[in-house]
Amino acid sequence: MEEQHRSVIEDLRSGALEPQVAAAAIQDGRPSGIQMQLMNPGSWLTGGHIFLDVELVRRADRGPQAGVEVEAFIDGAIEDRRYSEVTDSLGRARLRFSLPPLGKGDLTLVIRAATPSGNDELRFAMRSRTKNSSGQPAKQKPVN
């Protein structure tokens, strides 16, 4: 019995049981797929650099989704540059990159992840900085 328990725990940790867990969740009426969260929504853009701390979990059991590629890019940038990292065993990924040359008009930070059981995407509208009466750029936060 103990050996069987150890075997199941190891399969859960390695992700070998993920398809069975997702199928059981669907049968139970629980949502399938993944859910992504930006862990630093108020501080992801600092001094021309983008710092994204992302967490990815399975919707069915809220467990971490390891080994998934998370991609980020600025929609509307002059150059189409895409950055990616793979989630660790806790379902977390850290993406770090410099702000690419931006175009005029609507700009959106897009963060995406996809698995066989589902996709998720976060979008943050970006606004250009406006100067205040002192001539310094006004502080501005992205809008989700």
N, C-alpha and C. Protein backbone atom coordinates (compact mmCIF):
# COMPACT_ATOMS: atom_id res chain seq x y z
N MET A 1 0.83 -1.18 0.00
CA MET A 1 0.00 0.00 0.00
C MET A 1 0.88 1.26 0.00
N GLU A 2 1.94 1.26 0.81
CA GLU A 2 2.84 2.41 0.87
C GLU A 2 3.54 2.63 -0.46
N GLU A 3 3.93 1.54 -1.13
CA GLU A 3 4.59 1.65 -2.43
C GLU A 3 3.63 2.26 -3.46
N GLN A 4 2.38 1.84 -3.44
CA GLN A 4 1.38 2.39 -4.36
C GLN A 4 1.20 3.89 -4.09
N HIS A 5 1.14 4.27 -2.83
CA HIS A 5 0.99 5.68 -2.46
C HIS A 5 2.17 6.50 -2.98
N ARG A 6 3.41 5.99 -2.76
CA ARG A 6 4.61 6.68 -3.26
C ARG A 6 4.57 6.82 -4.78
N SER A 7 4.12 5.76 -5.45
CA SER A 7 4.05 5.77 -6.91
C SER A 7 3.07 6.84 -7.40
N VAL A 8 1.92 6.94 -6.78
CA VAL A 8 0.92 7.94 -7.17
C VAL A 8 1.45 9.35 -6.90
N ILE A 9 2.09 9.56 -5.77
CA ILE A 9 2.65 10.88 -5.44
C ILE A 9 3.70 11.26 -6.48
N GLU A 10 4.57 10.32 -6.85
CA GLU A 10 5.60 10.60 -7.85
C GLU A 10 4.97 10.93 -9.21
N ASP A 11 3.92 10.20 -9.59
CA ASP A 11 3.22 10.49 -10.85
C ASP A 11 2.58 11.87 -10.83
N LEU A 12 2.04 12.26 -9.70
CA LEU A 12 1.45 13.61 -9.58
C LEU A 12 2.53 14.68 -9.73
N ARG A 13 3.66 14.48 -9.05
CA ARG A 13 4.75 15.46 -9.12
C ARG A 13 5.32 15.58 -10.53
N SER A 14 5.43 14.46 -11.23
CA SER A 14 6.04 14.47 -12.57
C SER A 14 5.07 14.94 -13.65
N GLY A 15 3.77 15.02 -13.32
CA GLY A 15 2.78 15.44 -14.31
C GLY A 15 2.21 14.30 -15.11
N ALA A 16 2.61 13.06 -14.80
CA ALA A 16 2.13 11.90 -15.55
C ALA A 16 0.62 11.70 -15.39
N LEU A 17 0.05 12.15 -14.30
CA LEU A 17 -1.39 11.98 -14.07
C LEU A 17 -2.21 13.18 -14.54
N GLU A 18 -1.57 14.20 -15.09
CA GLU A 18 -2.30 15.41 -15.48
C GLU A 18 -3.48 15.14 -16.40
N PRO A 19 -3.34 14.33 -17.48
CA PRO A 19 -4.50 14.08 -18.34
C PRO A 19 -5.66 13.43 -17.59
N GLN A 20 -5.35 12.50 -16.67
CA GLN A 20 -6.42 11.86 -15.91
C GLN A 20 -7.10 12.84 -14.96
N VAL A 21 -6.31 13.72 -14.34
CA VAL A 21 -6.87 14.72 -13.43
C VAL A 21 -7.78 15.68 -14.21
N ALA A 22 -7.33 16.12 -15.38
CA ALA A 22 -8.13 17.03 -16.19
C ALA A 22 -9.42 16.37 -16.65
N ALA A 23 -9.34 15.08 -17.07
CA ALA A 23 -10.54 14.37 -17.51
C ALA A 23 -11.53 14.20 -16.36
N ALA A 24 -11.03 13.88 -15.17
CA ALA A 24 -11.91 13.73 -14.01
C ALA A 24 -12.56 15.06 -13.65
N ALA A 25 -11.81 16.15 -13.77
CA ALA A 25 -12.35 17.47 -13.46
C ALA A 25 -13.49 17.83 -14.40
N ILE A 26 -13.32 17.52 -15.69
CA ILE A 26 -14.37 17.81 -16.66
C ILE A 26 -15.63 17.01 -16.32
N GLN A 27 -15.46 15.73 -15.97
CA GLN A 27 -16.60 14.89 -15.62
C GLN A 27 -17.30 15.41 -14.37
N ASP A 28 -16.55 15.99 -13.45
CA ASP A 28 -17.13 16.54 -12.22
C ASP A 28 -17.72 17.92 -12.42
N GLY A 29 -17.59 18.47 -13.63
CA GLY A 29 -18.13 19.81 -13.89
C GLY A 29 -17.19 20.93 -13.51
N ARG A 30 -15.96 20.61 -13.10
CA ARG A 30 -14.99 21.65 -12.78
C ARG A 30 -14.38 22.18 -14.07
N PRO A 31 -13.98 23.44 -14.09
CA PRO A 31 -13.42 24.00 -15.32
C PRO A 31 -12.08 23.36 -15.67
N SER A 32 -11.83 23.19 -16.97
CA SER A 32 -10.56 22.65 -17.41
C SER A 32 -9.69 23.79 -17.92
N GLY A 33 -8.46 23.46 -18.26
CA GLY A 33 -7.56 24.47 -18.81
C GLY A 33 -6.61 25.02 -17.77
N ILE A 34 -6.06 26.18 -18.09
CA ILE A 34 -5.06 26.81 -17.23
C ILE A 34 -5.50 28.23 -16.90
N GLN A 35 -4.90 28.77 -15.86
CA GLN A 35 -5.14 30.15 -15.48
C GLN A 35 -3.79 30.79 -15.16
N MET A 36 -3.56 31.96 -15.77
CA MET A 36 -2.31 32.67 -15.59
C MET A 36 -2.56 33.93 -14.76
N GLN A 37 -1.58 34.26 -13.93
CA GLN A 37 -1.67 35.47 -13.12
C GLN A 37 -0.33 36.19 -13.16
N LEU A 38 -0.37 37.51 -13.36
CA LEU A 38 0.83 38.33 -13.26
C LEU A 38 1.00 38.68 -11.80
N MET A 39 2.10 38.26 -11.21
CA MET A 39 2.31 38.43 -9.77
C MET A 39 2.76 39.85 -9.40
N ASN A 40 3.24 40.63 -10.37
CA ASN A 40 3.69 42.00 -10.08
C ASN A 40 3.00 43.01 -11.02
N PRO A 41 1.66 43.11 -10.96
CA PRO A 41 0.94 43.97 -11.91
C PRO A 41 1.24 45.46 -11.77
N GLY A 42 1.68 45.90 -10.63
CA GLY A 42 1.95 47.32 -10.43
C GLY A 42 3.38 47.74 -10.69
N SER A 43 4.26 46.76 -10.95
CA SER A 43 5.68 47.12 -11.07
C SER A 43 6.38 46.40 -12.22
N TRP A 44 5.65 45.98 -13.24
CA TRP A 44 6.28 45.22 -14.32
C TRP A 44 7.09 46.07 -15.28
N LEU A 45 6.85 47.37 -15.31
CA LEU A 45 7.60 48.27 -16.20
C LEU A 45 8.37 49.27 -15.35
N THR A 46 9.72 49.18 -15.41
CA THR A 46 10.56 50.06 -14.61
C THR A 46 11.77 50.48 -15.42
N GLY A 47 11.95 51.78 -15.60
CA GLY A 47 13.13 52.32 -16.25
C GLY A 47 13.43 51.73 -17.61
N GLY A 48 12.40 51.51 -18.42
CA GLY A 48 12.61 50.99 -19.76
C GLY A 48 12.84 49.48 -19.83
N HIS A 49 12.63 48.80 -18.71
CA HIS A 49 12.80 47.35 -18.66
C HIS A 49 11.49 46.71 -18.20
N ILE A 50 11.21 45.54 -18.73
CA ILE A 50 10.00 44.80 -18.38
C ILE A 50 10.41 43.61 -17.52
N PHE A 51 9.75 43.49 -16.38
CA PHE A 51 10.00 42.42 -15.41
C PHE A 51 8.66 41.73 -15.16
N LEU A 52 8.47 40.54 -15.72
CA LEU A 52 7.20 39.83 -15.57
C LEU A 52 7.39 38.59 -14.70
N ASP A 53 6.66 38.54 -13.59
CA ASP A 53 6.63 37.36 -12.73
C ASP A 53 5.25 36.74 -12.91
N VAL A 54 5.21 35.58 -13.56
CA VAL A 54 3.95 34.95 -13.95
C VAL A 54 3.78 33.63 -13.21
N GLU A 55 2.54 33.34 -12.83
CA GLU A 55 2.22 32.05 -12.21
C GLU A 55 1.13 31.39 -13.04
N LEU A 56 1.29 30.09 -13.29
CA LEU A 56 0.36 29.34 -14.11
C LEU A 56 -0.14 28.14 -13.31
N VAL A 57 -1.48 28.00 -13.21
CA VAL A 57 -2.07 26.87 -12.48
C VAL A 57 -3.13 26.19 -13.35
N ARG A 58 -3.43 24.94 -13.01
CA ARG A 58 -4.53 24.22 -13.65
C ARG A 58 -5.83 24.71 -13.03
N ARG A 59 -6.83 24.99 -13.84
CA ARG A 59 -8.13 25.44 -13.32
C ARG A 59 -8.81 24.36 -12.49
N ALA A 60 -8.64 23.11 -12.87
CA ALA A 60 -9.36 22.01 -12.22
C ALA A 60 -9.00 21.85 -10.75
N ASP A 61 -7.70 21.88 -10.44
CA ASP A 61 -7.29 21.62 -9.07
C ASP A 61 -6.40 22.70 -8.47
N ARG A 62 -6.19 23.80 -9.22
CA ARG A 62 -5.37 24.94 -8.79
C ARG A 62 -3.91 24.54 -8.56
N GLY A 63 -3.51 23.38 -9.06
CA GLY A 63 -2.12 22.93 -8.93
C GLY A 63 -1.23 23.65 -9.92
N PRO A 64 0.06 23.77 -9.60
CA PRO A 64 0.99 24.47 -10.49
C PRO A 64 1.13 23.75 -11.83
N GLN A 65 1.24 24.52 -12.89
CA GLN A 65 1.40 23.98 -14.24
C GLN A 65 2.85 24.15 -14.65
N ALA A 66 3.64 23.10 -14.46
CA ALA A 66 5.07 23.15 -14.75
C ALA A 66 5.35 22.81 -16.22
N GLY A 67 6.51 23.30 -16.71
CA GLY A 67 6.98 22.94 -18.03
C GLY A 67 6.24 23.55 -19.19
N VAL A 68 5.60 24.69 -18.98
CA VAL A 68 4.83 25.35 -20.04
C VAL A 68 5.56 26.62 -20.48
N GLU A 69 5.65 26.82 -21.78
CA GLU A 69 6.28 28.03 -22.31
C GLU A 69 5.31 29.21 -22.17
N VAL A 70 5.80 30.28 -21.54
CA VAL A 70 5.06 31.53 -21.41
C VAL A 70 5.74 32.54 -22.33
N GLU A 71 4.95 33.18 -23.18
CA GLU A 71 5.48 34.12 -24.17
C GLU A 71 4.93 35.52 -23.89
N ALA A 72 5.79 36.54 -24.10
CA ALA A 72 5.38 37.93 -23.92
C ALA A 72 5.87 38.76 -25.09
N PHE A 73 5.07 39.76 -25.46
CA PHE A 73 5.46 40.70 -26.52
C PHE A 73 4.61 41.96 -26.39
N ILE A 74 5.06 43.02 -27.07
CA ILE A 74 4.32 44.28 -27.10
C ILE A 74 3.62 44.37 -28.46
N ASP A 75 2.30 44.24 -28.46
CA ASP A 75 1.53 44.40 -29.68
C ASP A 75 1.50 45.88 -30.03
N GLY A 76 1.95 46.23 -31.22
CA GLY A 76 2.03 47.62 -31.65
C GLY A 76 3.44 48.16 -31.64
N ALA A 77 4.41 47.36 -31.17
CA ALA A 77 5.81 47.79 -31.19
C ALA A 77 6.30 47.83 -32.64
N ILE A 78 7.33 48.62 -32.90
CA ILE A 78 7.87 48.74 -34.25
C ILE A 78 8.39 47.39 -34.74
N GLU A 79 9.09 46.66 -33.87
CA GLU A 79 9.61 45.34 -34.22
C GLU A 79 8.86 44.28 -33.44
N ASP A 80 8.58 43.17 -34.10
CA ASP A 80 7.89 42.06 -33.44
C ASP A 80 8.91 41.19 -32.71
N ARG A 81 9.17 41.54 -31.45
CA ARG A 81 10.10 40.78 -30.62
C ARG A 81 9.29 40.00 -29.60
N ARG A 82 9.58 38.71 -29.50
CA ARG A 82 8.87 37.85 -28.56
C ARG A 82 9.87 37.24 -27.58
N TYR A 83 9.45 37.16 -26.35
CA TYR A 83 10.32 36.67 -25.28
C TYR A 83 9.58 35.53 -24.59
N SER A 84 10.32 34.49 -24.18
CA SER A 84 9.64 33.37 -23.54
C SER A 84 10.52 32.73 -22.47
N GLU A 85 9.84 32.08 -21.56
CA GLU A 85 10.45 31.28 -20.50
C GLU A 85 9.52 30.11 -20.22
N VAL A 86 10.06 29.06 -19.62
CA VAL A 86 9.27 27.89 -19.27
C VAL A 86 9.00 27.90 -17.78
N THR A 87 7.77 27.54 -17.40
CA THR A 87 7.41 27.53 -15.98
C THR A 87 8.18 26.44 -15.23
N ASP A 88 8.53 26.76 -13.98
CA ASP A 88 9.26 25.81 -13.15
C ASP A 88 8.28 24.86 -12.44
N SER A 89 8.77 24.09 -11.48
CA SER A 89 7.94 23.11 -10.79
C SER A 89 6.81 23.75 -9.98
N LEU A 90 6.93 25.03 -9.68
CA LEU A 90 5.88 25.75 -8.96
C LEU A 90 4.92 26.47 -9.91
N GLY A 91 5.12 26.27 -11.22
CA GLY A 91 4.26 26.93 -12.20
C GLY A 91 4.61 28.38 -12.42
N ARG A 92 5.83 28.77 -12.08
CA ARG A 92 6.22 30.18 -12.19
C ARG A 92 7.29 30.39 -13.26
N ALA A 93 7.22 31.55 -13.89
CA ALA A 93 8.20 31.93 -14.89
C ALA A 93 8.54 33.40 -14.70
N ARG A 94 9.81 33.75 -14.93
CA ARG A 94 10.27 35.14 -14.85
C ARG A 94 10.78 35.54 -16.23
N LEU A 95 10.16 36.56 -16.79
CA LEU A 95 10.59 37.08 -18.08
C LEU A 95 11.16 38.46 -17.85
N ARG A 96 12.36 38.69 -18.37
CA ARG A 96 13.06 39.96 -18.21
C ARG A 96 13.56 40.40 -19.57
N PHE A 97 13.21 41.63 -19.99
CA PHE A 97 13.71 42.14 -21.27
C PHE A 97 13.55 43.65 -21.31
N SER A 98 14.31 44.27 -22.20
CA SER A 98 14.23 45.72 -22.39
C SER A 98 13.02 46.07 -23.23
N LEU A 99 12.45 47.22 -22.96
CA LEU A 99 11.31 47.70 -23.73
C LEU A 99 11.76 47.89 -25.18
N PRO A 100 11.10 47.23 -26.13
CA PRO A 100 11.51 47.37 -27.53
C PRO A 100 11.11 48.74 -28.08
N PRO A 101 11.62 49.14 -29.26
CA PRO A 101 11.17 50.40 -29.87
C PRO A 101 9.67 50.35 -30.11
N LEU A 102 8.99 51.38 -29.66
CA LEU A 102 7.53 51.39 -29.73
C LEU A 102 7.03 52.24 -30.89
N GLY A 103 5.93 51.81 -31.47
CA GLY A 103 5.28 52.57 -32.52
C GLY A 103 4.31 53.57 -31.90
N LYS A 104 3.62 54.29 -32.74
CA LYS A 104 2.59 55.22 -32.26
C LYS A 104 1.26 54.51 -32.29
N GLY A 105 0.36 54.95 -31.47
CA GLY A 105 -0.96 54.33 -31.44
C GLY A 105 -1.09 53.39 -30.26
N ASP A 106 -2.05 52.49 -30.38
CA ASP A 106 -2.35 51.57 -29.30
C ASP A 106 -1.23 50.55 -29.11
N LEU A 107 -0.78 50.41 -27.88
CA LEU A 107 0.25 49.44 -27.51
C LEU A 107 -0.32 48.55 -26.41
N THR A 108 -0.04 47.26 -26.50
CA THR A 108 -0.56 46.33 -25.51
C THR A 108 0.52 45.30 -25.16
N LEU A 109 0.76 45.12 -23.86
CA LEU A 109 1.61 44.04 -23.41
C LEU A 109 0.75 42.78 -23.44
N VAL A 110 1.22 41.74 -24.13
CA VAL A 110 0.49 40.48 -24.23
C VAL A 110 1.35 39.38 -23.62
N ILE A 111 0.74 38.59 -22.73
CA ILE A 111 1.41 37.45 -22.11
C ILE A 111 0.54 36.23 -22.39
N ARG A 112 1.13 35.19 -22.99
CA ARG A 112 0.35 34.01 -23.40
C ARG A 112 0.99 32.73 -22.91
N ALA A 113 0.14 31.73 -22.69
CA ALA A 113 0.60 30.37 -22.41
C ALA A 113 -0.42 29.41 -23.01
N ALA A 114 0.06 28.27 -23.49
CA ALA A 114 -0.82 27.28 -24.10
C ALA A 114 -0.41 25.88 -23.68
N THR A 115 -1.40 25.05 -23.37
CA THR A 115 -1.19 23.64 -23.05
C THR A 115 -2.22 22.83 -23.85
N PRO A 116 -2.06 21.52 -23.93
CA PRO A 116 -3.08 20.72 -24.61
C PRO A 116 -4.47 20.85 -23.96
N SER A 117 -4.51 21.15 -22.65
CA SER A 117 -5.80 21.26 -21.97
C SER A 117 -6.40 22.67 -22.02
N GLY A 118 -5.66 23.66 -22.55
CA GLY A 118 -6.22 25.00 -22.67
C GLY A 118 -5.16 26.08 -22.75
N ASN A 119 -5.61 27.30 -23.01
CA ASN A 119 -4.74 28.47 -23.16
C ASN A 119 -5.21 29.56 -22.20
N ASP A 120 -4.32 30.53 -21.96
CA ASP A 120 -4.71 31.74 -21.26
C ASP A 120 -3.85 32.89 -21.78
N GLU A 121 -4.39 34.08 -21.67
CA GLU A 121 -3.71 35.28 -22.18
C GLU A 121 -4.06 36.45 -21.28
N LEU A 122 -3.04 37.24 -20.95
CA LEU A 122 -3.24 38.50 -20.22
C LEU A 122 -2.88 39.63 -21.16
N ARG A 123 -3.63 40.73 -21.10
CA ARG A 123 -3.36 41.89 -21.95
C ARG A 123 -3.41 43.14 -21.07
N PHE A 124 -2.39 43.98 -21.21
CA PHE A 124 -2.31 45.23 -20.47
C PHE A 124 -2.13 46.37 -21.47
N ALA A 125 -3.09 47.29 -21.52
CA ALA A 125 -2.98 48.44 -22.41
C ALA A 125 -1.87 49.35 -21.88
N MET A 126 -1.08 49.89 -22.80
CA MET A 126 0.01 50.79 -22.42
C MET A 126 -0.29 52.16 -23.00
N ARG A 127 -0.07 53.17 -22.20
CA ARG A 127 -0.27 54.54 -22.64
C ARG A 127 1.06 55.26 -22.60
N SER A 128 1.26 56.18 -23.54
CA SER A 128 2.51 56.94 -23.53
C SER A 128 2.50 57.89 -22.36
N ARG A 129 3.69 58.22 -21.90
CA ARG A 129 3.81 59.15 -20.77
C ARG A 129 3.53 60.56 -21.24
N THR A 130 2.86 61.31 -20.38
CA THR A 130 2.63 62.72 -20.67
C THR A 130 3.45 63.54 -19.69
N LYS A 131 3.88 64.71 -20.11
CA LYS A 131 4.69 65.56 -19.23
C LYS A 131 3.77 66.42 -18.37
N ASN A 132 4.16 66.56 -17.09
CA ASN A 132 3.39 67.42 -16.20
C ASN A 132 3.94 68.85 -16.28
N SER A 133 3.42 69.75 -15.47
CA SER A 133 3.80 71.16 -15.56
C SER A 133 5.28 71.40 -15.26
N SER A 134 5.95 70.47 -14.58
CA SER A 134 7.38 70.64 -14.28
C SER A 134 8.27 70.16 -15.42
N GLY A 135 7.63 69.62 -16.47
CA GLY A 135 8.41 69.12 -17.61
C GLY A 135 8.87 67.69 -17.42
N GLN A 136 8.56 67.07 -16.27
CA GLN A 136 8.95 65.69 -16.02
C GLN A 136 7.83 64.76 -16.49
N PRO A 137 8.19 63.56 -16.95
CA PRO A 137 7.14 62.62 -17.34
C PRO A 137 6.26 62.28 -16.14
N ALA A 138 4.97 62.23 -16.37
CA ALA A 138 4.03 61.85 -15.33
C ALA A 138 4.08 60.34 -15.15
N LYS A 139 3.93 59.88 -13.90
CA LYS A 139 3.91 58.46 -13.64
C LYS A 139 2.59 57.89 -14.16
N GLN A 140 2.68 56.69 -14.72
CA GLN A 140 1.52 56.09 -15.33
C GLN A 140 1.60 54.59 -15.18
N LYS A 141 0.46 53.94 -14.95
CA LYS A 141 0.42 52.50 -14.80
C LYS A 141 -0.39 51.92 -15.93
N PRO A 142 -0.06 50.68 -16.34
CA PRO A 142 -0.82 50.04 -17.40
C PRO A 142 -2.23 49.73 -16.93
N VAL A 143 -3.13 49.65 -17.88
CA VAL A 143 -4.52 49.32 -17.59
C VAL A 143 -4.77 47.92 -18.08
N ASN A 144 -5.37 47.09 -17.24
CA ASN A 144 -5.63 45.71 -17.63
C ASN A 144 -6.96 45.62 -18.31
